[in-house]
Amino acid sequence: MNRKNILFWIIAIVITLSSAIYQRMTGPTHPYRGSTEIAGEEIRYRLIRSFPRPADAPAKLKVEDREVTGFFRYKRHPSNDEWQIKLLVREDEHLVAYIPQQPAAGKVMYQLFLEKGDEQVKLPEEPIIIRFRDDVPAWALLPHVILMFAAMLFSTRAGLAALYKQKTYRLTLWTIVTFITGGLIFGPVVQKYAFGDYWTGWPFGTDLTDNKTAFALIFWVIAFVKSRQNPHHRTWVLVASIILLLIYLIPHSLFGSEIDWTQENMQ
């Protein structure tokens, strides 16, 4: 392997790892972080927005001052429910809001309030949403994650090959194999275990993760056909690699599976 190829693989790895970190740090299921202050004590919090059933979800705050108490309010989302209020539970140096569990894909909107004397603070400023899910076995989840980022790695490397007039066919082949296996085989299995459905994108739903997988695959199928006809084909390979990179910049699980509680009394 010459120096140029080594450099291109390093660049592809850096871009792939950066996208993995970005996916991990963004999206509607990533914990909501922030800080507030009450009675001179700074409270840093990390509130969960995804939780595996079957158990109530514990949203914990480290509050060492035992004179600080509080409550939280919650309601299902989306729903026409009224806000429900429960007290925070003191567990050693933590105050905990136990959010009632819901069926898989059920969401709850919640917000915490801390009190000491006449002082009250709410966190965060606007309610946040937590989604409940079922556990996904490691044999399904790990291959899904590994293959999806392997597809990103091969896609990026194929794009660099197209950009610098190298052969693209083999890289395109590896991209489409890992992408199909990770996104269209293990992906639906993960979705089924977590939320009860294999596919919730178009035409069955609005899950952006499913939809962007299908969208990117269209471009990679075309790129594969073109590169098979011409191992040095550039245009569609470059376009497909850019499309996939842009898609990976869209936060994971956006517009994901959810139960519409507003419909429960209309059936």
C-alpha atoms as a PDB file:
ATOM      1  CA  MET A   1       0.000   0.000   0.000  1.00  0.00           C
ATOM      2  CA  ASN A   2       1.518   3.324  -1.068  1.00  0.00           C
ATOM      3  CA  ARG A   3       1.613   6.472   1.046  1.00  0.00           C
ATOM      4  CA  LYS A   4      -1.306   8.070  -0.768  1.00  0.00           C
ATOM      5  CA  ASN A   5      -3.567   5.101   0.003  1.00  0.00           C
ATOM      6  CA  ILE A   6      -2.463   5.079   3.640  1.00  0.00           C
ATOM      7  CA  LEU A   7      -3.229   8.803   3.881  1.00  0.00           C
ATOM      8  CA  PHE A   8      -6.662   8.304   2.308  1.00  0.00           C
ATOM      9  CA  TRP A   9      -7.500   5.495   4.752  1.00  0.00           C
ATOM     10  CA  ILE A  10      -6.423   7.682   7.679  1.00  0.00           C
ATOM     11  CA  ILE A  11      -8.635  10.507   6.419  1.00  0.00           C
ATOM     12  CA  ALA A  12     -11.549   8.105   5.980  1.00  0.00           C
ATOM     13  CA  ILE A  13     -11.072   6.717   9.504  1.00  0.00           C
ATOM     14  CA  VAL A  14     -10.936  10.211  11.019  1.00  0.00           C
ATOM     15  CA  ILE A  15     -14.131  11.254   9.220  1.00  0.00           C
ATOM     16  CA  THR A  16     -15.883   8.029  10.255  1.00  0.00           C
ATOM     17  CA  LEU A  17     -14.861   8.340  13.910  1.00  0.00           C
ATOM     18  CA  SER A  18     -15.903  12.000  13.917  1.00  0.00           C
ATOM     19  CA  SER A  19     -19.328  11.065  12.570  1.00  0.00           C
ATOM     20  CA  ALA A  20     -19.613   8.310  15.216  1.00  0.00           C
ATOM     21  CA  ILE A  21     -18.859  10.813  17.991  1.00  0.00           C
ATOM     22  CA  TYR A  22     -21.304  13.293  16.487  1.00  0.00           C
ATOM     23  CA  GLN A  23     -24.030  10.649  16.344  1.00  0.00           C
ATOM     24  CA  ARG A  24     -23.312   9.706  19.952  1.00  0.00           C
ATOM     25  CA  MET A  25     -23.499  13.306  21.178  1.00  0.00           C
ATOM     26  CA  THR A  26     -26.611  14.452  19.293  1.00  0.00           C
ATOM     27  CA  GLY A  27     -30.137  13.338  18.686  1.00  0.00           C
ATOM     28  CA  PRO A  28     -33.345  13.138  20.711  1.00  0.00           C
ATOM     29  CA  THR A  29     -32.230  10.123  22.776  1.00  0.00           C
ATOM     30  CA  HIS A  30     -28.939  11.613  23.997  1.00  0.00           C
ATOM     31  CA  PRO A  31     -29.108  12.767  27.659  1.00  0.00           C
ATOM     32  CA  TYR A  32     -29.971  16.427  28.146  1.00  0.00           C
ATOM     33  CA  ARG A  33     -27.187  18.242  30.002  1.00  0.00           C
ATOM     34  CA  GLY A  34     -27.216  21.551  31.822  1.00  0.00           C
ATOM     35  CA  SER A  35     -26.764  23.273  35.154  1.00  0.00           C
ATOM     36  CA  THR A  36     -28.708  25.446  37.559  1.00  0.00           C
ATOM     37  CA  GLU A  37     -28.219  26.936  41.014  1.00  0.00           C
ATOM     38  CA  ILE A  38     -30.271  26.868  44.197  1.00  0.00           C
ATOM     39  CA  ALA A  39     -29.315  28.290  47.584  1.00  0.00           C
ATOM     40  CA  GLY A  40     -25.802  28.936  46.333  1.00  0.00           C
ATOM     41  CA  GLU A  41     -25.231  25.322  45.228  1.00  0.00           C
ATOM     42  CA  GLU A  42     -24.565  24.610  41.570  1.00  0.00           C
ATOM     43  CA  ILE A  43     -26.490  21.604  40.298  1.00  0.00           C
ATOM     44  CA  ARG A  44     -25.182  19.955  37.149  1.00  0.00           C
ATOM     45  CA  TYR A  45     -27.615  17.558  35.595  1.00  0.00           C
ATOM     46  CA  ARG A  46     -27.760  14.873  32.934  1.00  0.00           C
ATOM     47  CA  LEU A  47     -31.373  13.927  32.291  1.00  0.00           C
ATOM     48  CA  ILE A  48     -32.114  10.714  30.413  1.00  0.00           C
ATOM     49  CA  ARG A  49     -34.190  10.746  27.225  1.00  0.00           C
ATOM     50  CA  SER A  50     -34.219   7.007  26.508  1.00  0.00           C
ATOM     51  CA  PHE A  51     -34.738   4.074  28.855  1.00  0.00           C
ATOM     52  CA  PRO A  52     -35.163   0.280  28.544  1.00  0.00           C
ATOM     53  CA  ARG A  53     -38.259  -1.344  29.969  1.00  0.00           C
ATOM     54  CA  PRO A  54     -39.563  -2.878  32.171  1.00  0.00           C
ATOM     55  CA  ALA A  55     -38.986  -0.328  34.928  1.00  0.00           C
ATOM     56  CA  ASP A  56     -39.730   3.277  35.756  1.00  0.00           C
ATOM     57  CA  ALA A  57     -37.035   5.559  34.396  1.00  0.00           C
ATOM     58  CA  PRO A  58     -34.877   7.213  37.111  1.00  0.00           C
ATOM     59  CA  ALA A  59     -33.907  10.790  36.266  1.00  0.00           C
ATOM     60  CA  LYS A  60     -31.254  11.553  38.899  1.00  0.00           C
ATOM     61  CA  LEU A  61     -29.866  14.822  40.247  1.00  0.00           C
ATOM     62  CA  LYS A  62     -26.859  15.023  42.537  1.00  0.00           C
ATOM     63  CA  VAL A  63     -27.993  17.428  45.276  1.00  0.00           C
ATOM     64  CA  GLU A  64     -25.909  17.141  48.432  1.00  0.00           C
ATOM     65  CA  ASP A  65     -27.903  19.726  50.425  1.00  0.00           C
ATOM     66  CA  ARG A  66     -30.566  17.602  52.118  1.00  0.00           C
ATOM     67  CA  GLU A  67     -32.732  20.635  52.751  1.00  0.00           C
ATOM     68  CA  VAL A  68     -33.355  20.839  49.030  1.00  0.00           C
ATOM     69  CA  THR A  69     -36.496  18.955  48.004  1.00  0.00           C
ATOM     70  CA  GLY A  70     -38.612  19.014  44.913  1.00  0.00           C
ATOM     71  CA  PHE A  71     -41.102  17.454  42.576  1.00  0.00           C
ATOM     72  CA  PHE A  72     -41.502  16.678  38.905  1.00  0.00           C
ATOM     73  CA  ARG A  73     -44.352  16.938  36.476  1.00  0.00           C
ATOM     74  CA  TYR A  74     -44.987  14.625  33.573  1.00  0.00           C
ATOM     75  CA  LYS A  75     -47.482  13.600  30.912  1.00  0.00           C
ATOM     76  CA  ARG A  76     -47.488  11.258  27.956  1.00  0.00           C
ATOM     77  CA  HIS A  77     -46.395  12.662  24.620  1.00  0.00           C
ATOM     78  CA  PRO A  78     -48.082  13.363  22.297  1.00  0.00           C
ATOM     79  CA  SER A  79     -51.307  13.336  24.274  1.00  0.00           C
ATOM     80  CA  ASN A  80     -54.160  15.407  25.624  1.00  0.00           C
ATOM     81  CA  ASP A  81     -53.253  14.406  29.196  1.00  0.00           C
ATOM     82  CA  GLU A  82     -53.143  16.822  32.091  1.00  0.00           C
ATOM     83  CA  TRP A  83     -49.824  17.255  33.891  1.00  0.00           C
ATOM     84  CA  GLN A  84     -49.265  14.781  36.719  1.00  0.00           C
ATOM     85  CA  ILE A  85     -47.096  15.737  39.707  1.00  0.00           C
ATOM     86  CA  LYS A  86     -44.955  13.489  41.922  1.00  0.00           C
ATOM     87  CA  LEU A  87     -42.372  14.212  44.606  1.00  0.00           C
ATOM     88  CA  LEU A  88     -38.690  13.631  44.002  1.00  0.00           C
ATOM     89  CA  VAL A  89     -37.273  10.764  46.048  1.00  0.00           C
ATOM     90  CA  ARG A  90     -34.166  11.325  48.174  1.00  0.00           C
ATOM     91  CA  GLU A  91     -31.570   8.565  47.705  1.00  0.00           C
ATOM     92  CA  ASP A  92     -28.365   9.466  49.562  1.00  0.00           C
ATOM     93  CA  GLU A  93     -26.903  12.462  47.723  1.00  0.00           C
ATOM     94  CA  HIS A  94     -29.361  12.237  44.854  1.00  0.00           C
ATOM     95  CA  LEU A  95     -32.904  13.393  44.204  1.00  0.00           C
ATOM     96  CA  VAL A  96     -34.640  11.042  41.793  1.00  0.00           C
ATOM     97  CA  ALA A  97     -37.683  11.415  39.567  1.00  0.00           C
ATOM     98  CA  TYR A  98     -39.122   7.997  38.760  1.00  0.00           C
ATOM     99  CA  ILE A  99     -40.883   8.468  35.432  1.00  0.00           C
ATOM    100  CA  PRO A 100     -43.650   5.859  34.995  1.00  0.00           C
ATOM    101  CA  GLN A 101     -42.746   3.302  32.365  1.00  0.00           C
ATOM    102  CA  GLN A 102     -44.667   3.143  29.090  1.00  0.00           C
ATOM    103  CA  PRO A 103     -44.998   0.524  26.363  1.00  0.00           C
ATOM    104  CA  ALA A 104     -42.136   0.336  23.880  1.00  0.00           C
ATOM    105  CA  ALA A 105     -42.075   3.531  21.760  1.00  0.00           C
ATOM    106  CA  GLY A 106     -44.168   5.327  24.388  1.00  0.00           C
ATOM    107  CA  LYS A 107     -42.921   8.824  25.199  1.00  0.00           C
ATOM    108  CA  VAL A 108     -43.259  10.977  28.309  1.00  0.00           C
ATOM    109  CA  MET A 109     -42.653  14.709  28.624  1.00  0.00           C
ATOM    110  CA  TYR A 110     -41.189  15.704  31.987  1.00  0.00           C
ATOM    111  CA  GLN A 111     -39.662  18.593  33.943  1.00  0.00           C
ATOM    112  CA  LEU A 112     -38.065  18.780  37.415  1.00  0.00           C
ATOM    113  CA  PHE A 113     -38.445  21.441  40.114  1.00  0.00           C
ATOM    114  CA  LEU A 114     -36.135  21.986  43.083  1.00  0.00           C
ATOM    115  CA  GLU A 115     -37.142  23.877  46.220  1.00  0.00           C
ATOM    116  CA  LYS A 116     -35.467  25.251  49.308  1.00  0.00           C
ATOM    117  CA  GLY A 117     -37.381  27.664  51.497  1.00  0.00           C
ATOM    118  CA  ASP A 118     -39.006  30.246  49.238  1.00  0.00           C
ATOM    119  CA  GLU A 119     -36.637  29.517  46.357  1.00  0.00           C
ATOM    120  CA  GLN A 120     -37.657  27.341  43.443  1.00  0.00           C
ATOM    121  CA  VAL A 121     -35.853  26.457  40.209  1.00  0.00           C
ATOM    122  CA  LYS A 122     -36.994  24.350  37.300  1.00  0.00           C
ATOM    123  CA  LEU A 123     -34.831  22.264  35.052  1.00  0.00           C
ATOM    124  CA  PRO A 124     -34.619  22.378  32.242  1.00  0.00           C
ATOM    125  CA  GLU A 125     -36.437  25.568  31.288  1.00  0.00           C
ATOM    126  CA  GLU A 126     -38.642  23.633  28.868  1.00  0.00           C
ATOM    127  CA  PRO A 127     -39.885  20.052  29.431  1.00  0.00           C
ATOM    128  CA  ILE A 128     -37.905  17.276  27.747  1.00  0.00           C
ATOM    129  CA  ILE A 129     -39.085  13.982  26.281  1.00  0.00           C
ATOM    130  CA  ILE A 130     -38.035  10.463  27.186  1.00  0.00           C
ATOM    131  CA  ARG A 131     -38.831   7.422  25.031  1.00  0.00           C
ATOM    132  CA  PHE A 132     -39.146   3.919  26.438  1.00  0.00           C
ATOM    133  CA  ARG A 133     -37.838   0.924  24.547  1.00  0.00           C
ATOM    134  CA  ASP A 134     -37.277  -2.774  24.988  1.00  0.00           C
ATOM    135  CA  ASP A 135     -33.804  -4.253  25.333  1.00  0.00           C
ATOM    136  CA  VAL A 136     -31.962  -5.152  22.152  1.00  0.00           C
ATOM    137  CA  PRO A 137     -29.680  -8.228  22.351  1.00  0.00           C
ATOM    138  CA  ALA A 138     -26.003  -7.595  21.730  1.00  0.00           C
ATOM    139  CA  TRP A 139     -25.921 -10.095  18.837  1.00  0.00           C
ATOM    140  CA  ALA A 140     -28.218  -7.736  16.895  1.00  0.00           C
ATOM    141  CA  LEU A 141     -27.109  -4.321  18.131  1.00  0.00           C
ATOM    142  CA  LEU A 142     -23.326  -4.674  17.854  1.00  0.00           C
ATOM    143  CA  PRO A 143     -23.274  -5.928  14.231  1.00  0.00           C
ATOM    144  CA  HIS A 144     -25.724  -3.185  13.287  1.00  0.00           C
ATOM    145  CA  VAL A 145     -23.541  -0.432  14.749  1.00  0.00           C
ATOM    146  CA  ILE A 146     -20.255  -1.878  13.479  1.00  0.00           C
ATOM    147  CA  LEU A 147     -21.562  -2.494   9.953  1.00  0.00           C
ATOM    148  CA  MET A 148     -23.147   0.949   9.651  1.00  0.00           C
ATOM    149  CA  PHE A 149     -19.901   2.682  10.504  1.00  0.00           C
ATOM    150  CA  ALA A 150     -17.961   0.228   8.331  1.00  0.00           C
ATOM    151  CA  ALA A 151     -20.233   1.340   5.495  1.00  0.00           C
ATOM    152  CA  MET A 152     -19.409   4.943   6.338  1.00  0.00           C
ATOM    153  CA  LEU A 153     -15.700   4.121   6.286  1.00  0.00           C
ATOM    154  CA  PHE A 154     -15.834   2.393   2.878  1.00  0.00           C
ATOM    155  CA  SER A 155     -18.134   5.103   1.521  1.00  0.00           C
ATOM    156  CA  THR A 156     -15.727   7.862   2.526  1.00  0.00           C
ATOM    157  CA  ARG A 157     -12.761   5.959   1.135  1.00  0.00           C
ATOM    158  CA  ALA A 158     -14.655   5.346  -2.117  1.00  0.00           C
ATOM    159  CA  GLY A 159     -15.425   9.057  -2.347  1.00  0.00           C
ATOM    160  CA  LEU A 160     -11.727   9.870  -1.965  1.00  0.00           C
ATOM    161  CA  ALA A 161     -10.894   7.299  -4.618  1.00  0.00           C
ATOM    162  CA  ALA A 162     -13.380   8.915  -6.986  1.00  0.00           C
ATOM    163  CA  LEU A 163     -12.046  12.367  -6.194  1.00  0.00           C
ATOM    164  CA  TYR A 164      -8.446  11.369  -6.943  1.00  0.00           C
ATOM    165  CA  LYS A 165      -9.171   9.124  -9.954  1.00  0.00           C
ATOM    166  CA  GLN A 166      -8.502   5.763  -8.308  1.00  0.00           C
ATOM    167  CA  LYS A 167     -10.424   2.534  -8.890  1.00  0.00           C
ATOM    168  CA  THR A 168     -13.796   2.641  -7.147  1.00  0.00           C
ATOM    169  CA  TYR A 169     -15.487  -0.715  -7.844  1.00  0.00           C
ATOM    170  CA  ARG A 170     -14.143  -2.774  -4.930  1.00  0.00           C
ATOM    171  CA  LEU A 171     -14.736   0.043  -2.417  1.00  0.00           C
ATOM    172  CA  THR A 172     -18.236   0.542  -3.772  1.00  0.00           C
ATOM    173  CA  LEU A 173     -18.910  -3.185  -3.433  1.00  0.00           C
ATOM    174  CA  TRP A 174     -17.781  -3.208   0.217  1.00  0.00           C
ATOM    175  CA  THR A 175     -19.862  -0.093   0.902  1.00  0.00           C
ATOM    176  CA  ILE A 176     -23.079  -1.541  -0.436  1.00  0.00           C
ATOM    177  CA  VAL A 177     -22.523  -4.953   1.226  1.00  0.00           C
ATOM    178  CA  THR A 178     -21.933  -3.465   4.686  1.00  0.00           C
ATOM    179  CA  PHE A 179     -24.677  -0.878   4.228  1.00  0.00           C
ATOM    180  CA  ILE A 180     -27.308  -3.415   3.195  1.00  0.00           C
ATOM    181  CA  THR A 181     -26.289  -5.883   5.914  1.00  0.00           C
ATOM    182  CA  GLY A 182     -26.134  -3.266   8.656  1.00  0.00           C
ATOM    183  CA  GLY A 183     -29.033  -1.063   7.579  1.00  0.00           C
ATOM    184  CA  LEU A 184     -31.537  -3.397   5.931  1.00  0.00           C
ATOM    185  CA  ILE A 185     -30.894  -6.676   7.772  1.00  0.00           C
ATOM    186  CA  PHE A 186     -29.668  -5.937  11.292  1.00  0.00           C
ATOM    187  CA  GLY A 187     -31.315  -2.478  11.364  1.00  0.00           C
ATOM    188  CA  PRO A 188     -34.896  -3.779  11.160  1.00  0.00           C
ATOM    189  CA  VAL A 189     -34.046  -6.530  13.673  1.00  0.00           C
ATOM    190  CA  VAL A 190     -32.853  -3.886  16.152  1.00  0.00           C
ATOM    191  CA  GLN A 191     -35.979  -1.844  15.452  1.00  0.00           C
ATOM    192  CA  LYS A 192     -38.199  -4.874  16.044  1.00  0.00           C
ATOM    193  CA  TYR A 193     -36.603  -5.704  19.391  1.00  0.00           C
ATOM    194  CA  ALA A 194     -36.612  -2.083  20.589  1.00  0.00           C
ATOM    195  CA  PHE A 195     -40.002  -0.845  19.379  1.00  0.00           C
ATOM    196  CA  GLY A 196     -41.946  -3.785  18.002  1.00  0.00           C
ATOM    197  CA  ASP A 197     -41.787  -3.005  14.260  1.00  0.00           C
ATOM    198  CA  TYR A 198     -39.280  -3.950  11.588  1.00  0.00           C
ATOM    199  CA  TRP A 199     -39.720  -0.792   9.517  1.00  0.00           C
ATOM    200  CA  THR A 200     -41.260   2.551  10.520  1.00  0.00           C
ATOM    201  CA  GLY A 201     -40.067   4.696   7.643  1.00  0.00           C
ATOM    202  CA  TRP A 202     -41.898   5.441   4.403  1.00  0.00           C
ATOM    203  CA  PRO A 203     -44.565   4.352   3.562  1.00  0.00           C
ATOM    204  CA  PHE A 204     -45.455   3.127   7.076  1.00  0.00           C
ATOM    205  CA  GLY A 205     -44.194   6.008   9.196  1.00  0.00           C
ATOM    206  CA  THR A 206     -41.918   9.017   9.566  1.00  0.00           C
ATOM    207  CA  ASP A 207     -38.842   7.439  11.155  1.00  0.00           C
ATOM    208  CA  LEU A 208     -36.026   9.516   9.696  1.00  0.00           C
ATOM    209  CA  THR A 209     -33.419   6.817  10.408  1.00  0.00           C
ATOM    210  CA  ASP A 210     -35.270   4.326   8.194  1.00  0.00           C
ATOM    211  CA  ASN A 211     -36.010   6.914   5.527  1.00  0.00           C
ATOM    212  CA  LYS A 212     -32.449   8.182   5.256  1.00  0.00           C
ATOM    213  CA  THR A 213     -31.176   4.587   5.027  1.00  0.00           C
ATOM    214  CA  ALA A 214     -33.454   3.913   2.068  1.00  0.00           C
ATOM    215  CA  PHE A 215     -32.576   7.261   0.458  1.00  0.00           C
ATOM    216  CA  ALA A 216     -28.826   6.672   0.688  1.00  0.00           C
ATOM    217  CA  LEU A 217     -29.168   3.112  -0.598  1.00  0.00           C
ATOM    218  CA  ILE A 218     -30.748   4.358  -3.843  1.00  0.00           C
ATOM    219  CA  PHE A 219     -27.641   6.412  -4.606  1.00  0.00           C
ATOM    220  CA  TRP A 220     -25.289   3.585  -3.675  1.00  0.00           C
ATOM    221  CA  VAL A 221     -27.113   1.073  -5.871  1.00  0.00           C
ATOM    222  CA  ILE A 222     -26.668   3.431  -8.823  1.00  0.00           C
ATOM    223  CA  ALA A 223     -23.011   4.004  -7.881  1.00  0.00           C
ATOM    224  CA  PHE A 224     -22.438   0.250  -7.648  1.00  0.00           C
ATOM    225  CA  VAL A 225     -23.957  -0.408 -11.080  1.00  0.00           C
ATOM    226  CA  LYS A 226     -21.905   2.386 -12.635  1.00  0.00           C
ATOM    227  CA  SER A 227     -18.638   1.303 -11.023  1.00  0.00           C
ATOM    228  CA  ARG A 228     -19.247  -2.303 -12.007  1.00  0.00           C
ATOM    229  CA  GLN A 229     -19.532  -1.149 -15.619  1.00  0.00           C
ATOM    230  CA  ASN A 230     -16.445   1.034 -15.216  1.00  0.00           C
ATOM    231  CA  PRO A 231     -14.088   0.339 -12.253  1.00  0.00           C
ATOM    232  CA  HIS A 232     -12.860   3.956 -12.474  1.00  0.00           C
ATOM    233  CA  HIS A 233     -16.321   5.535 -12.454  1.00  0.00           C
ATOM    234  CA  ARG A 234     -16.295   8.720 -10.394  1.00  0.00           C
ATOM    235  CA  THR A 235     -19.460  10.844 -10.568  1.00  0.00           C
ATOM    236  CA  TRP A 236     -22.073   8.648  -8.908  1.00  0.00           C
ATOM    237  CA  VAL A 237     -19.588   7.241  -6.394  1.00  0.00           C
ATOM    238  CA  LEU A 238     -18.624  10.734  -5.303  1.00  0.00           C
ATOM    239  CA  VAL A 239     -22.264  11.842  -5.131  1.00  0.00           C
ATOM    240  CA  ALA A 240     -23.282   8.756  -3.131  1.00  0.00           C
ATOM    241  CA  SER A 241     -20.418   9.199  -0.648  1.00  0.00           C
ATOM    242  CA  ILE A 242     -21.336  12.859  -0.086  1.00  0.00           C
ATOM    243  CA  ILE A 243     -25.011  11.928   0.366  1.00  0.00           C
ATOM    244  CA  LEU A 244     -24.129   9.318   2.977  1.00  0.00           C
ATOM    245  CA  LEU A 245     -21.854  11.732   4.839  1.00  0.00           C
ATOM    246  CA  LEU A 246     -24.608  14.365   4.941  1.00  0.00           C
ATOM    247  CA  ILE A 247     -27.104  11.759   6.112  1.00  0.00           C
ATOM    248  CA  TYR A 248     -24.822  10.727   8.973  1.00  0.00           C
ATOM    249  CA  LEU A 249     -24.853  14.363  10.101  1.00  0.00           C
ATOM    250  CA  ILE A 250     -28.600  14.099  10.701  1.00  0.00           C
ATOM    251  CA  PRO A 251     -29.138  13.212  14.384  1.00  0.00           C
ATOM    252  CA  HIS A 252     -29.971   9.552  14.967  1.00  0.00           C
ATOM    253  CA  SER A 253     -33.581   8.548  15.861  1.00  0.00           C
ATOM    254  CA  LEU A 254     -35.067  11.858  14.734  1.00  0.00           C
ATOM    255  CA  PHE A 255     -38.831  11.470  14.158  1.00  0.00           C
ATOM    256  CA  GLY A 256     -38.494   7.920  15.448  1.00  0.00           C
ATOM    257  CA  SER A 257     -41.130   5.420  16.535  1.00  0.00           C
ATOM    258  CA  GLU A 258     -43.713   6.771  18.949  1.00  0.00           C
ATOM    259  CA  ILE A 259     -47.170   5.984  20.233  1.00  0.00           C
ATOM    260  CA  ASP A 260     -49.696   8.688  19.412  1.00  0.00           C
ATOM    261  CA  TRP A 261     -51.677   8.891  22.643  1.00  0.00           C
ATOM    262  CA  THR A 262     -54.051  11.484  21.142  1.00  0.00           C
ATOM    263  CA  GLN A 263     -55.641   8.669  19.113  1.00  0.00           C
ATOM    264  CA  GLU A 264     -56.377   6.256  21.950  1.00  0.00           C
ATOM    265  CA  ASN A 265     -59.905   7.551  22.590  1.00  0.00           C
ATOM    266  CA  MET A 266     -60.744   7.778  18.890  1.00  0.00           C
ATOM    267  CA  GLN A 267     -60.491   4.098  18.086  1.00  0.00           C
END
